[in-house]
């Protein structure tokens, strides 16, 4: 049985303030928790699961004997989960601040998310970016928190394989001074008429307002995705647009 203090601590991790205070975050769901057992980016502190999950995964857990396993009831799982339908198991992990990796940036494509606040969009971008070989993604301070529960659900196991940082645009520009910056813009050059040369930084803006003006003036090239002449929609979803631009920029 979980103590009141333990329940309070676990539920507090649904709040960014307490995640940063304790340097911990939660993962929910069978697949991503199993991935957390074999990754090395974060320290796995504890698995909290109903008894049948523990029994079904006894062999896997026996290979990770150093990880604390706490058996909880369905009711307790419901109390600490942020999901409407909790999925048998959660994991508590510790994190430390990741640092900008210049060799990664210099060997391929880096993405800078400028005010991307929807966790579903951001998570989809991370999964899509990993598909295209992107290994480092930088969030502006006002973008979604990288340990937000909905974000983690959306990006799934990519959290373990892609470096995610929160850095403001000025610091990011200084760190990538020798690399070209490209940004998505409706007033830009058609991506079909542009031949990129990696490495570089792709900037994607806020869902409603796009890239903020003070960031846009730092771009070396504005790029747009041409639309069909019969299309009446004004813009693309930011995660969809990111996927299209990544396909063009990486040549895949």
Foldseek 3Di string as FASTA:
>chain_A
DDDPVRLVLLQCLLDPVSCVVQQKFKAFDDPLVLVVQPFDQWAWAEKEFAPVVCVVCVVSVVVVVVHHYHHDDPVSQVSNDPDPRGHGMMTMIGHDADDDDLVLLQPAEEEEEAQAADLLLLLLLLQLCVVLPRAEYEYEPNHHDCRNHSNCVNNRNSVRRHHYHYDHLVVVCVSPVVAAEEEEDPPFAELVPDADDDDHYYYWYYQPPTHDPVNVVRHPGYYYHDDDPPDDDDDDGRSVRSNVSSCSHSVD
